Amino acid sequence: MTKLMKAVVTTLDEDNPLLEKEIPLPNVDSHDVLVKITASGMNPVDVKQLELAVAAKEERILGFDGVGEVVSIGTDVKKYQVGDRVFFSGELGRTGSNAEYEAVNEDLVAKAPDNLSDVEAAALPLTFLTAYEMLADKFGISMAAGAASGKTLLIINGAGGVGSIMIQLAKWLGMTVIATASRDETIEWVKQLGADFVVNHREDYVSEVKQLGFSEIPYIAVLHSLDQHFEAVAKLVGSYGHIGAIVQSTQPLPVGLIKNKAASLDWEFMFAKTNAGQNIASQGEALALLTELVSAGDVQSTITQTVDGFSAAAVLEAQQKVSVGDMLGKLVIKY
């Protein structure tokens, strides 16, 4: 195997933040699989990490979602073998998927669904793990078909990457899903994915939700602009309910609004497990469940856009499309 690979690397130049570079293949630790990447998903966290790398003047290889073929394995790997087609979302601090090859801990990996193409599969790992962990780890919902039957979930920004997969996962769990959307195409998209009701987050959705007959909501996922939405969701969340968030607030939050309801504000950060080295195998196990759900037809890929070709220009184009903040579903780079 070649000892060098092409990678897209962050630069010290704000005007040209990415370039292509020949670098050594990543080191394969004893529990790693080395994957030849064929497609990579683009997420808002990729955009944020590029901003941080440029500001810190660091050379980094970004990219988290990946799909590809295992080409070698570490000495202690037991779950996978050369030739397996896998998908994963990597971890902070390691060489990422914006490269021809990536070394990934086997506990973060699952076999990719046979009924999805590489680009379709690459749209799913990070957003599914985020949705799964919010519902399972933070909201305490058992991950089994129909396990949350009779419960209601409100998703703020239902048409984004995480919202698109959370709608489907929640419907598999048996939940009633209210999703927010404001444009014709996003309203149609969330309905197609299974949302039972749609309200407009640019209008008075508190009144809309109550007019639908929901006086309070036990589970609320705020997937965009927590500062903007906190006071509204604080009015809707039920006693002992949960408000989950994935985007950092930019202003102090009036958390006292939910104190007398004994409600919880739950932060979900998919990289917390690998950062802390805690329970990382749960991520590979969650992706294995995702493969089962996709194979059974309970979950569909959320891909809506593709950028072809592995290059600095392609990665930058994908970054720019996602950075606008109005993504419908997910964008994937096809290598």
C-alpha atoms as a PDB file:
ATOM      1  CA  MET A   1       0.000   0.000   0.000  1.00  0.00           C
ATOM      2  CA  THR A   2       1.201   3.527  -0.717  1.00  0.00           C
ATOM      3  CA  LYS A   3       2.701   5.256   2.311  1.00  0.00           C
ATOM      4  CA  LEU A   4       1.396   8.682   1.280  1.00  0.00           C
ATOM      5  CA  MET A   5      -2.144   9.930   0.748  1.00  0.00           C
ATOM      6  CA  LYS A   6      -3.832  13.064  -0.481  1.00  0.00           C
ATOM      7  CA  ALA A   7      -5.566  15.114   2.175  1.00  0.00           C
ATOM      8  CA  VAL A   8      -7.316  18.467   2.367  1.00  0.00           C
ATOM      9  CA  VAL A   9      -5.542  20.454   5.071  1.00  0.00           C
ATOM     10  CA  THR A  10      -6.442  23.703   6.805  1.00  0.00           C
ATOM     11  CA  THR A  11      -3.966  26.517   6.186  1.00  0.00           C
ATOM     12  CA  LEU A  12      -2.719  29.658   7.917  1.00  0.00           C
ATOM     13  CA  ASP A  13      -4.255  31.826   5.176  1.00  0.00           C
ATOM     14  CA  GLU A  14      -7.780  33.093   5.902  1.00  0.00           C
ATOM     15  CA  ASP A  15      -8.319  33.870   2.212  1.00  0.00           C
ATOM     16  CA  ASN A  16      -7.361  30.312   1.177  1.00  0.00           C
ATOM     17  CA  PRO A  17      -8.257  28.199   4.221  1.00  0.00           C
ATOM     18  CA  LEU A  18      -7.889  24.764   2.567  1.00  0.00           C
ATOM     19  CA  LEU A  19      -5.280  23.138   0.348  1.00  0.00           C
ATOM     20  CA  GLU A  20      -4.449  19.676  -0.971  1.00  0.00           C
ATOM     21  CA  LYS A  21      -1.350  18.056   0.422  1.00  0.00           C
ATOM     22  CA  GLU A  22       0.476  14.717   0.274  1.00  0.00           C
ATOM     23  CA  ILE A  23       0.936  13.409   3.818  1.00  0.00           C
ATOM     24  CA  PRO A  24       1.795  10.063   5.445  1.00  0.00           C
ATOM     25  CA  LEU A  25      -1.025   7.627   6.092  1.00  0.00           C
ATOM     26  CA  PRO A  26      -2.370   7.915   9.652  1.00  0.00           C
ATOM     27  CA  ASN A  27      -0.978   5.620  12.301  1.00  0.00           C
ATOM     28  CA  VAL A  28      -3.183   2.581  12.918  1.00  0.00           C
ATOM     29  CA  ASP A  29      -3.429   1.834  16.633  1.00  0.00           C
ATOM     30  CA  SER A  30      -4.150  -1.638  17.928  1.00  0.00           C
ATOM     31  CA  HIS A  31      -7.931  -1.073  18.029  1.00  0.00           C
ATOM     32  CA  ASP A  32      -8.140   0.944  14.786  1.00  0.00           C
ATOM     33  CA  VAL A  33      -9.377   0.078  11.338  1.00  0.00           C
ATOM     34  CA  LEU A  34      -7.877   1.924   8.362  1.00  0.00           C
ATOM     35  CA  VAL A  35     -10.622   2.947   5.946  1.00  0.00           C
ATOM     36  CA  LYS A  36     -10.235   4.027   2.315  1.00  0.00           C
ATOM     37  CA  ILE A  37     -12.781   6.861   2.189  1.00  0.00           C
ATOM     38  CA  THR A  38     -15.288   6.983  -0.669  1.00  0.00           C
ATOM     39  CA  ALA A  39     -17.720   9.624   0.643  1.00  0.00           C
ATOM     40  CA  SER A  40     -17.901  12.116   3.487  1.00  0.00           C
ATOM     41  CA  GLY A  41     -20.817  14.065   4.936  1.00  0.00           C
ATOM     42  CA  MET A  42     -20.588  17.785   5.689  1.00  0.00           C
ATOM     43  CA  ASN A  43     -21.983  19.137   8.962  1.00  0.00           C
ATOM     44  CA  PRO A  44     -22.154  22.512  10.734  1.00  0.00           C
ATOM     45  CA  VAL A  45     -19.498  21.223  13.153  1.00  0.00           C
ATOM     46  CA  ASP A  46     -17.113  20.892  10.182  1.00  0.00           C
ATOM     47  CA  VAL A  47     -17.666  24.572   9.430  1.00  0.00           C
ATOM     48  CA  LYS A  48     -17.051  25.481  13.070  1.00  0.00           C
ATOM     49  CA  GLN A  49     -13.880  23.405  13.217  1.00  0.00           C
ATOM     50  CA  LEU A  50     -12.547  25.129  10.089  1.00  0.00           C
ATOM     51  CA  GLU A  51     -13.158  28.516  11.699  1.00  0.00           C
ATOM     52  CA  LEU A  52     -11.341  27.399  14.856  1.00  0.00           C
ATOM     53  CA  ALA A  53      -8.402  25.948  12.922  1.00  0.00           C
ATOM     54  CA  VAL A  54      -7.937  29.110  10.846  1.00  0.00           C
ATOM     55  CA  ALA A  55      -8.207  31.333  13.927  1.00  0.00           C
ATOM     56  CA  ALA A  56      -5.637  29.204  15.759  1.00  0.00           C
ATOM     57  CA  LYS A  57      -3.430  28.988  12.640  1.00  0.00           C
ATOM     58  CA  GLU A  58      -3.409  25.195  12.868  1.00  0.00           C
ATOM     59  CA  GLU A  59      -2.932  22.690  10.054  1.00  0.00           C
ATOM     60  CA  ARG A  60      -5.674  20.105  10.515  1.00  0.00           C
ATOM     61  CA  ILE A  61      -7.462  17.482   8.446  1.00  0.00           C
ATOM     62  CA  LEU A  62     -11.170  17.873   9.137  1.00  0.00           C
ATOM     63  CA  GLY A  63     -14.155  15.664   8.345  1.00  0.00           C
ATOM     64  CA  PHE A  64     -16.185  13.400  10.612  1.00  0.00           C
ATOM     65  CA  ASP A  65     -18.802  11.441   8.648  1.00  0.00           C
ATOM     66  CA  GLY A  66     -17.155   8.786   6.518  1.00  0.00           C
ATOM     67  CA  VAL A  67     -17.955   5.711   4.429  1.00  0.00           C
ATOM     68  CA  GLY A  68     -15.463   3.365   2.860  1.00  0.00           C
ATOM     69  CA  GLU A  69     -13.671   0.032   2.761  1.00  0.00           C
ATOM     70  CA  VAL A  70     -11.484  -1.368   5.517  1.00  0.00           C
ATOM     71  CA  VAL A  71      -8.017  -1.875   4.038  1.00  0.00           C
ATOM     72  CA  SER A  72      -6.086  -2.859   7.168  1.00  0.00           C
ATOM     73  CA  ILE A  73      -6.776  -3.492  10.852  1.00  0.00           C
ATOM     74  CA  GLY A  74      -4.930  -3.071  14.132  1.00  0.00           C
ATOM     75  CA  THR A  75      -3.513  -6.026  16.003  1.00  0.00           C
ATOM     76  CA  ASP A  76      -6.383  -6.193  18.523  1.00  0.00           C
ATOM     77  CA  VAL A  77      -9.326  -5.529  16.206  1.00  0.00           C
ATOM     78  CA  LYS A  78     -12.001  -8.205  16.543  1.00  0.00           C
ATOM     79  CA  LYS A  79     -15.144  -6.727  15.011  1.00  0.00           C
ATOM     80  CA  TYR A  80     -14.043  -6.047  11.418  1.00  0.00           C
ATOM     81  CA  GLN A  81     -11.836  -7.427   8.709  1.00  0.00           C
ATOM     82  CA  VAL A  82     -10.251  -6.194   5.519  1.00  0.00           C
ATOM     83  CA  GLY A  83     -12.876  -5.684   2.825  1.00  0.00           C
ATOM     84  CA  ASP A  84     -15.730  -4.666   5.128  1.00  0.00           C
ATOM     85  CA  ARG A  85     -17.739  -1.646   3.988  1.00  0.00           C
ATOM     86  CA  VAL A  86     -18.237   0.578   7.014  1.00  0.00           C
ATOM     87  CA  PHE A  87     -19.526   3.970   8.077  1.00  0.00           C
ATOM     88  CA  PHE A  88     -18.762   6.100  11.112  1.00  0.00           C
ATOM     89  CA  SER A  89     -18.385   9.567  12.551  1.00  0.00           C
ATOM     90  CA  GLY A  90     -14.865  10.072  13.851  1.00  0.00           C
ATOM     91  CA  GLU A  91     -13.495  12.038  16.757  1.00  0.00           C
ATOM     92  CA  LEU A  92     -11.960  15.414  17.433  1.00  0.00           C
ATOM     93  CA  GLY A  93      -8.172  15.583  17.440  1.00  0.00           C
ATOM     94  CA  ARG A  94      -7.480  12.852  14.897  1.00  0.00           C
ATOM     95  CA  THR A  95      -6.917  12.924  11.149  1.00  0.00           C
ATOM     96  CA  GLY A  96     -10.415  13.204   9.690  1.00  0.00           C
ATOM     97  CA  SER A  97     -12.294  12.026   6.627  1.00  0.00           C
ATOM     98  CA  ASN A  98     -11.169  14.851   4.329  1.00  0.00           C
ATOM     99  CA  ALA A  99      -8.424  12.462   3.232  1.00  0.00           C
ATOM    100  CA  GLU A 100      -8.017   9.342   1.125  1.00  0.00           C
ATOM    101  CA  TYR A 101      -7.613   7.172   4.245  1.00  0.00           C
ATOM    102  CA  GLU A 102      -8.711   7.484   7.868  1.00  0.00           C
ATOM    103  CA  ALA A 103      -7.832   5.465  10.970  1.00  0.00           C
ATOM    104  CA  VAL A 104     -10.858   5.004  13.248  1.00  0.00           C
ATOM    105  CA  ASN A 105     -11.334   3.151  16.518  1.00  0.00           C
ATOM    106  CA  GLU A 106     -13.346   0.014  15.764  1.00  0.00           C
ATOM    107  CA  ASP A 107     -15.826   0.896  18.539  1.00  0.00           C
ATOM    108  CA  LEU A 108     -16.988   3.910  16.508  1.00  0.00           C
ATOM    109  CA  VAL A 109     -17.662   1.907  13.354  1.00  0.00           C
ATOM    110  CA  ALA A 110     -20.542  -0.165  11.977  1.00  0.00           C
ATOM    111  CA  LYS A 111     -21.100  -2.009   8.728  1.00  0.00           C
ATOM    112  CA  ALA A 112     -22.831   0.314   6.282  1.00  0.00           C
ATOM    113  CA  PRO A 113     -26.358  -0.555   5.103  1.00  0.00           C
ATOM    114  CA  ASP A 114     -26.270  -2.707   1.978  1.00  0.00           C
ATOM    115  CA  ASN A 115     -29.310  -0.953   0.538  1.00  0.00           C
ATOM    116  CA  LEU A 116     -27.683   2.495   0.540  1.00  0.00           C
ATOM    117  CA  SER A 117     -25.005   3.848  -1.779  1.00  0.00           C
ATOM    118  CA  ASP A 118     -21.852   5.298  -0.263  1.00  0.00           C
ATOM    119  CA  VAL A 119     -23.104   8.877  -0.574  1.00  0.00           C
ATOM    120  CA  GLU A 120     -26.495   7.959   0.897  1.00  0.00           C
ATOM    121  CA  ALA A 121     -24.831   6.257   3.862  1.00  0.00           C
ATOM    122  CA  ALA A 122     -22.359   9.117   4.425  1.00  0.00           C
ATOM    123  CA  ALA A 123     -25.254  11.479   5.155  1.00  0.00           C
ATOM    124  CA  LEU A 124     -26.247   9.644   8.321  1.00  0.00           C
ATOM    125  CA  PRO A 125     -23.688   8.879  11.068  1.00  0.00           C
ATOM    126  CA  LEU A 126     -23.117  12.170  12.920  1.00  0.00           C
ATOM    127  CA  THR A 127     -26.701  13.368  12.746  1.00  0.00           C
ATOM    128  CA  PHE A 128     -28.095   9.973  13.741  1.00  0.00           C
ATOM    129  CA  LEU A 129     -25.742   9.718  16.712  1.00  0.00           C
ATOM    130  CA  THR A 130     -26.737  13.214  17.815  1.00  0.00           C
ATOM    131  CA  ALA A 131     -30.454  12.419  17.562  1.00  0.00           C
ATOM    132  CA  TYR A 132     -30.022   8.988  19.160  1.00  0.00           C
ATOM    133  CA  GLU A 133     -28.010  10.292  22.106  1.00  0.00           C
ATOM    134  CA  MET A 134     -30.419  13.130  22.798  1.00  0.00           C
ATOM    135  CA  LEU A 135     -33.405  10.785  22.842  1.00  0.00           C
ATOM    136  CA  ALA A 136     -31.712   7.864  24.591  1.00  0.00           C
ATOM    137  CA  ASP A 137     -29.010   9.301  26.835  1.00  0.00           C
ATOM    138  CA  LYS A 138     -30.543  12.669  27.659  1.00  0.00           C
ATOM    139  CA  PHE A 139     -34.301  12.074  27.487  1.00  0.00           C
ATOM    140  CA  GLY A 140     -34.044   8.521  28.828  1.00  0.00           C
ATOM    141  CA  ILE A 141     -36.126   6.900  26.089  1.00  0.00           C
ATOM    142  CA  SER A 142     -35.566   3.173  25.502  1.00  0.00           C
ATOM    143  CA  MET A 143     -34.408   2.474  21.979  1.00  0.00           C
ATOM    144  CA  ALA A 144     -36.970  -0.078  20.843  1.00  0.00           C
ATOM    145  CA  ALA A 145     -39.794   0.046  18.324  1.00  0.00           C
ATOM    146  CA  GLY A 146     -42.833   1.717  19.888  1.00  0.00           C
ATOM    147  CA  ALA A 147     -41.051   2.302  23.220  1.00  0.00           C
ATOM    148  CA  ALA A 148     -42.247   5.935  23.426  1.00  0.00           C
ATOM    149  CA  SER A 149     -45.758   5.386  22.088  1.00  0.00           C
ATOM    150  CA  GLY A 150     -48.096   8.117  23.316  1.00  0.00           C
ATOM    151  CA  LYS A 151     -45.282  10.602  23.970  1.00  0.00           C
ATOM    152  CA  THR A 152     -44.895  13.860  22.040  1.00  0.00           C
ATOM    153  CA  LEU A 153     -41.694  15.418  20.682  1.00  0.00           C
ATOM    154  CA  LEU A 154     -41.361  18.987  19.384  1.00  0.00           C
ATOM    155  CA  ILE A 155     -38.385  19.495  17.051  1.00  0.00           C
ATOM    156  CA  ILE A 156     -37.223  23.055  16.393  1.00  0.00           C
ATOM    157  CA  ASN A 157     -35.586  23.083  12.916  1.00  0.00           C
ATOM    158  CA  GLY A 158     -37.055  19.811  11.750  1.00  0.00           C
ATOM    159  CA  ALA A 159     -35.666  20.034   8.213  1.00  0.00           C
ATOM    160  CA  GLY A 160     -31.979  20.291   9.142  1.00  0.00           C
ATOM    161  CA  GLY A 161     -29.585  17.365   9.279  1.00  0.00           C
ATOM    162  CA  VAL A 162     -30.304  16.283  12.867  1.00  0.00           C
ATOM    163  CA  GLY A 163     -34.003  17.104  12.655  1.00  0.00           C
ATOM    164  CA  SER A 164     -34.419  15.064   9.489  1.00  0.00           C
ATOM    165  CA  ILE A 165     -33.115  11.915  11.147  1.00  0.00           C
ATOM    166  CA  MET A 166     -34.704  12.624  14.551  1.00  0.00           C
ATOM    167  CA  ILE A 167     -38.183  12.738  12.987  1.00  0.00           C
ATOM    168  CA  GLN A 168     -37.697   9.245  11.585  1.00  0.00           C
ATOM    169  CA  LEU A 169     -36.180   7.824  14.765  1.00  0.00           C
ATOM    170  CA  ALA A 170     -38.970   9.302  16.870  1.00  0.00           C
ATOM    171  CA  LYS A 171     -41.644   7.826  14.623  1.00  0.00           C
ATOM    172  CA  TRP A 172     -39.991   4.391  14.947  1.00  0.00           C
ATOM    173  CA  LEU A 173     -40.210   4.900  18.715  1.00  0.00           C
ATOM    174  CA  GLY A 174     -43.942   5.540  18.345  1.00  0.00           C
ATOM    175  CA  MET A 175     -43.881   9.251  19.200  1.00  0.00           C
ATOM    176  CA  THR A 176     -46.144  12.010  17.961  1.00  0.00           C
ATOM    177  CA  VAL A 177     -43.816  14.472  16.220  1.00  0.00           C
ATOM    178  CA  ILE A 178     -44.358  18.203  15.837  1.00  0.00           C
ATOM    179  CA  ALA A 179     -41.659  19.694  13.610  1.00  0.00           C
ATOM    180  CA  THR A 180     -41.000  23.332  12.825  1.00  0.00           C
ATOM    181  CA  ALA A 181     -40.424  24.535   9.267  1.00  0.00           C
ATOM    182  CA  SER A 182     -41.035  27.825   7.497  1.00  0.00           C
ATOM    183  CA  ARG A 183     -40.539  27.359   3.734  1.00  0.00           C
ATOM    184  CA  ASP A 184     -42.665  25.357   1.311  1.00  0.00           C
ATOM    185  CA  GLU A 185     -39.819  22.928   0.593  1.00  0.00           C
ATOM    186  CA  THR A 186     -38.958  22.396   4.274  1.00  0.00           C
ATOM    187  CA  ILE A 187     -42.603  21.905   5.223  1.00  0.00           C
ATOM    188  CA  GLU A 188     -42.985  19.272   2.508  1.00  0.00           C
ATOM    189  CA  TRP A 189     -39.697  17.621   3.541  1.00  0.00           C
ATOM    190  CA  VAL A 190     -40.610  17.142   7.222  1.00  0.00           C
ATOM    191  CA  LYS A 191     -44.036  15.820   6.267  1.00  0.00           C
ATOM    192  CA  GLN A 192     -42.404  13.330   3.912  1.00  0.00           C
ATOM    193  CA  LEU A 193     -40.145  12.143   6.740  1.00  0.00           C
ATOM    194  CA  GLY A 194     -43.146  11.466   8.978  1.00  0.00           C
ATOM    195  CA  ALA A 195     -43.865  14.585  11.036  1.00  0.00           C
ATOM    196  CA  ASP A 196     -47.448  14.483  12.298  1.00  0.00           C
ATOM    197  CA  PHE A 197     -47.767  18.262  12.591  1.00  0.00           C
ATOM    198  CA  VAL A 198     -45.785  21.230  11.267  1.00  0.00           C
ATOM    199  CA  VAL A 199     -45.611  24.679  12.870  1.00  0.00           C
ATOM    200  CA  ASN A 200     -43.736  27.782  11.718  1.00  0.00           C
ATOM    201  CA  HIS A 201     -40.770  28.765  13.898  1.00  0.00           C
ATOM    202  CA  ARG A 202     -40.839  32.278  12.387  1.00  0.00           C
ATOM    203  CA  GLU A 203     -44.304  32.870  13.819  1.00  0.00           C
ATOM    204  CA  ASP A 204     -46.028  32.354  17.182  1.00  0.00           C
ATOM    205  CA  TYR A 205     -45.565  28.604  17.327  1.00  0.00           C
ATOM    206  CA  VAL A 206     -46.423  28.469  21.033  1.00  0.00           C
ATOM    207  CA  SER A 207     -49.996  29.411  20.114  1.00  0.00           C
ATOM    208  CA  GLU A 208     -49.917  27.084  17.095  1.00  0.00           C
ATOM    209  CA  VAL A 209     -48.897  24.117  19.237  1.00  0.00           C
ATOM    210  CA  LYS A 210     -51.591  24.845  21.806  1.00  0.00           C
ATOM    211  CA  GLN A 211     -54.206  25.247  19.079  1.00  0.00           C
ATOM    212  CA  LEU A 212     -53.266  21.757  17.914  1.00  0.00           C
ATOM    213  CA  GLY A 213     -54.377  20.524  21.352  1.00  0.00           C
ATOM    214  CA  PHE A 214     -51.010  20.186  23.105  1.00  0.00           C
ATOM    215  CA  SER A 215     -51.047  22.125  26.388  1.00  0.00           C
ATOM    216  CA  GLU A 216     -47.526  20.998  27.237  1.00  0.00           C
ATOM    217  CA  ILE A 217     -44.775  18.985  25.563  1.00  0.00           C
ATOM    218  CA  PRO A 218     -42.662  16.438  27.482  1.00  0.00           C
ATOM    219  CA  TYR A 219     -39.739  16.424  25.040  1.00  0.00           C
ATOM    220  CA  ILE A 220     -38.416  19.368  23.019  1.00  0.00           C
ATOM    221  CA  ALA A 221     -35.313  19.308  20.790  1.00  0.00           C
ATOM    222  CA  VAL A 222     -33.931  22.761  19.928  1.00  0.00           C
ATOM    223  CA  LEU A 223     -31.599  22.191  16.990  1.00  0.00           C
ATOM    224  CA  HIS A 224     -30.960  25.809  16.013  1.00  0.00           C
ATOM    225  CA  SER A 225     -30.593  29.212  17.741  1.00  0.00           C
ATOM    226  CA  LEU A 226     -31.254  28.216  21.357  1.00  0.00           C
ATOM    227  CA  ASP A 227     -31.158  31.869  22.494  1.00  0.00           C
ATOM    228  CA  GLN A 228     -33.960  32.742  20.102  1.00  0.00           C
ATOM    229  CA  HIS A 229     -36.191  29.839  21.105  1.00  0.00           C
ATOM    230  CA  PHE A 230     -35.572  29.251  24.815  1.00  0.00           C
ATOM    231  CA  GLU A 231     -38.338  31.464  26.200  1.00  0.00           C
ATOM    232  CA  ALA A 232     -40.890  29.943  23.824  1.00  0.00           C
ATOM    233  CA  VAL A 233     -39.966  26.331  24.567  1.00  0.00           C
ATOM    234  CA  ALA A 234     -39.864  27.121  28.287  1.00  0.00           C
ATOM    235  CA  LYS A 235     -43.575  27.965  27.974  1.00  0.00           C
ATOM    236  CA  LEU A 236     -44.290  24.676  26.199  1.00  0.00           C
ATOM    237  CA  VAL A 237     -42.193  22.163  28.115  1.00  0.00           C
ATOM    238  CA  GLY A 238     -44.140  20.082  30.610  1.00  0.00           C
ATOM    239  CA  SER A 239     -43.419  19.457  34.274  1.00  0.00           C
ATOM    240  CA  TYR A 240     -40.364  17.194  34.623  1.00  0.00           C
ATOM    241  CA  GLY A 241     -39.930  17.572  30.870  1.00  0.00           C
ATOM    242  CA  HIS A 242     -36.765  17.883  28.823  1.00  0.00           C
ATOM    243  CA  ILE A 243     -35.397  20.595  26.538  1.00  0.00           C
ATOM    244  CA  GLY A 244     -32.466  19.247  24.515  1.00  0.00           C
ATOM    245  CA  ALA A 245     -30.027  21.518  22.688  1.00  0.00           C
ATOM    246  CA  ILE A 246     -27.067  21.002  20.358  1.00  0.00           C
ATOM    247  CA  VAL A 247     -26.005  24.581  19.523  1.00  0.00           C
ATOM    248  CA  GLN A 248     -24.161  26.716  22.057  1.00  0.00           C
ATOM    249  CA  SER A 249     -26.045  29.756  23.296  1.00  0.00           C
ATOM    250  CA  THR A 250     -24.444  33.124  22.651  1.00  0.00           C
ATOM    251  CA  GLN A 251     -26.268  34.911  25.479  1.00  0.00           C
ATOM    252  CA  PRO A 252     -27.103  33.922  29.074  1.00  0.00           C
ATOM    253  CA  LEU A 253     -30.273  31.846  29.117  1.00  0.00           C
ATOM    254  CA  PRO A 254     -33.203  32.577  31.478  1.00  0.00           C
ATOM    255  CA  VAL A 255     -33.119  29.025  32.832  1.00  0.00           C
ATOM    256  CA  GLY A 256     -35.177  30.123  35.821  1.00  0.00           C
ATOM    257  CA  LEU A 257     -38.207  29.944  33.536  1.00  0.00           C
ATOM    258  CA  ILE A 258     -38.198  26.144  33.797  1.00  0.00           C
ATOM    259  CA  LYS A 259     -37.258  25.905  37.481  1.00  0.00           C
ATOM    260  CA  ASN A 260     -40.784  25.544  38.884  1.00  0.00           C
ATOM    261  CA  LYS A 261     -41.556  22.860  36.306  1.00  0.00           C
ATOM    262  CA  ALA A 262     -38.508  20.896  37.467  1.00  0.00           C
ATOM    263  CA  ALA A 263     -37.720  20.597  33.774  1.00  0.00           C
ATOM    264  CA  SER A 264     -34.224  19.851  32.459  1.00  0.00           C
ATOM    265  CA  LEU A 265     -31.998  21.584  29.932  1.00  0.00           C
ATOM    266  CA  ASP A 266     -29.961  18.797  28.320  1.00  0.00           C
ATOM    267  CA  TRP A 267     -26.890  19.474  26.207  1.00  0.00           C
ATOM    268  CA  GLU A 268     -26.028  16.929  23.535  1.00  0.00           C
ATOM    269  CA  PHE A 269     -22.533  16.905  22.028  1.00  0.00           C
ATOM    270  CA  MET A 270     -21.725  13.822  20.002  1.00  0.00           C
ATOM    271  CA  PHE A 271     -17.972  14.115  20.612  1.00  0.00           C
ATOM    272  CA  ALA A 272     -18.281  14.206  24.411  1.00  0.00           C
ATOM    273  CA  LYS A 273     -17.912  10.428  24.674  1.00  0.00           C
ATOM    274  CA  THR A 274     -14.699  10.216  22.668  1.00  0.00           C
ATOM    275  CA  ASN A 275     -13.335  13.392  24.290  1.00  0.00           C
ATOM    276  CA  ALA A 276     -13.813  11.813  27.712  1.00  0.00           C
ATOM    277  CA  GLY A 277     -13.049   8.242  26.666  1.00  0.00           C
ATOM    278  CA  GLN A 278     -16.384   7.125  28.106  1.00  0.00           C
ATOM    279  CA  ASN A 279     -18.752   4.547  26.649  1.00  0.00           C
ATOM    280  CA  ILE A 280     -17.488   5.058  23.101  1.00  0.00           C
ATOM    281  CA  ALA A 281     -18.631   1.588  22.048  1.00  0.00           C
ATOM    282  CA  SER A 282     -22.223   2.830  22.365  1.00  0.00           C
ATOM    283  CA  GLN A 283     -21.672   4.878  19.204  1.00  0.00           C
ATOM    284  CA  GLY A 284     -20.748   1.880  17.077  1.00  0.00           C
ATOM    285  CA  GLU A 285     -23.690   0.005  18.595  1.00  0.00           C
ATOM    286  CA  ALA A 286     -26.034   2.895  17.735  1.00  0.00           C
ATOM    287  CA  LEU A 287     -24.808   2.894  14.141  1.00  0.00           C
ATOM    288  CA  ALA A 288     -25.382  -0.872  13.983  1.00  0.00           C
ATOM    289  CA  LEU A 289     -28.995  -0.179  15.000  1.00  0.00           C
ATOM    290  CA  LEU A 290     -29.152   2.473  12.279  1.00  0.00           C
ATOM    291  CA  THR A 291     -28.087  -0.112   9.706  1.00  0.00           C
ATOM    292  CA  GLU A 292     -30.917  -2.373  10.903  1.00  0.00           C
ATOM    293  CA  LEU A 293     -33.440   0.477  10.682  1.00  0.00           C
ATOM    294  CA  VAL A 294     -32.318   1.443   7.184  1.00  0.00           C
ATOM    295  CA  SER A 295     -32.372  -2.178   6.025  1.00  0.00           C
ATOM    296  CA  ALA A 296     -35.907  -2.580   7.380  1.00  0.00           C
ATOM    297  CA  GLY A 297     -37.094   0.615   5.688  1.00  0.00           C
ATOM    298  CA  ASP A 298     -37.762   2.450   8.961  1.00  0.00           C
ATOM    299  CA  VAL A 299     -35.159   5.130   8.200  1.00  0.00           C
ATOM    300  CA  GLN A 300     -34.205   6.668   4.857  1.00  0.00           C
ATOM    301  CA  SER A 301     -31.088   8.610   3.944  1.00  0.00           C
ATOM    302  CA  THR A 302     -31.393  12.348   4.454  1.00  0.00           C
ATOM    303  CA  ILE A 303     -29.073  13.284   1.571  1.00  0.00           C
ATOM    304  CA  THR A 304     -30.306  16.170  -0.582  1.00  0.00           C
ATOM    305  CA  GLN A 305     -27.115  17.519  -2.186  1.00  0.00           C
ATOM    306  CA  THR A 306     -23.869  16.054  -3.509  1.00  0.00           C
ATOM    307  CA  VAL A 307     -20.533  17.642  -4.350  1.00  0.00           C
ATOM    308  CA  ASP A 308     -18.452  15.458  -6.675  1.00  0.00           C
ATOM    309  CA  GLY A 309     -14.699  14.995  -6.472  1.00  0.00           C
ATOM    310  CA  PHE A 310     -12.198  14.960  -3.629  1.00  0.00           C
ATOM    311  CA  SER A 311     -10.328  18.261  -3.660  1.00  0.00           C
ATOM    312  CA  ALA A 312      -9.820  21.402  -1.600  1.00  0.00           C
ATOM    313  CA  ALA A 313     -12.264  23.182  -3.906  1.00  0.00           C
ATOM    314  CA  ALA A 314     -14.938  20.515  -3.350  1.00  0.00           C
ATOM    315  CA  VAL A 315     -14.559  20.574   0.429  1.00  0.00           C
ATOM    316  CA  LEU A 316     -14.650  24.377   0.471  1.00  0.00           C
ATOM    317  CA  GLU A 317     -17.763  24.385  -1.747  1.00  0.00           C
ATOM    318  CA  ALA A 318     -19.461  21.979   0.658  1.00  0.00           C
ATOM    319  CA  GLN A 319     -18.378  24.098   3.637  1.00  0.00           C
ATOM    320  CA  GLN A 320     -19.820  27.223   2.053  1.00  0.00           C
ATOM    321  CA  LYS A 321     -23.146  25.580   1.221  1.00  0.00           C
ATOM    322  CA  VAL A 322     -23.595  24.340   4.799  1.00  0.00           C
ATOM    323  CA  SER A 323     -22.410  27.595   6.401  1.00  0.00           C
ATOM    324  CA  VAL A 324     -25.389  29.502   4.981  1.00  0.00           C
ATOM    325  CA  GLY A 325     -27.522  27.811   7.636  1.00  0.00           C
ATOM    326  CA  ASP A 326     -30.569  26.872   5.565  1.00  0.00           C
ATOM    327  CA  MET A 327     -29.692  23.269   4.697  1.00  0.00           C
ATOM    328  CA  LEU A 328     -32.448  20.849   3.861  1.00  0.00           C
ATOM    329  CA  GLY A 329     -31.275  17.421   4.995  1.00  0.00           C
ATOM    330  CA  LYS A 330     -27.591  16.673   4.348  1.00  0.00           C
ATOM    331  CA  LEU A 331     -24.836  17.393   1.843  1.00  0.00           C
ATOM    332  CA  VAL A 332     -22.254  14.724   0.978  1.00  0.00           C
ATOM    333  CA  ILE A 333     -18.928  14.855  -0.881  1.00  0.00           C
ATOM    334  CA  LYS A 334     -18.452  11.929  -3.264  1.00  0.00           C
ATOM    335  CA  TYR A 335     -14.742  11.077  -3.537  1.00  0.00           C
END
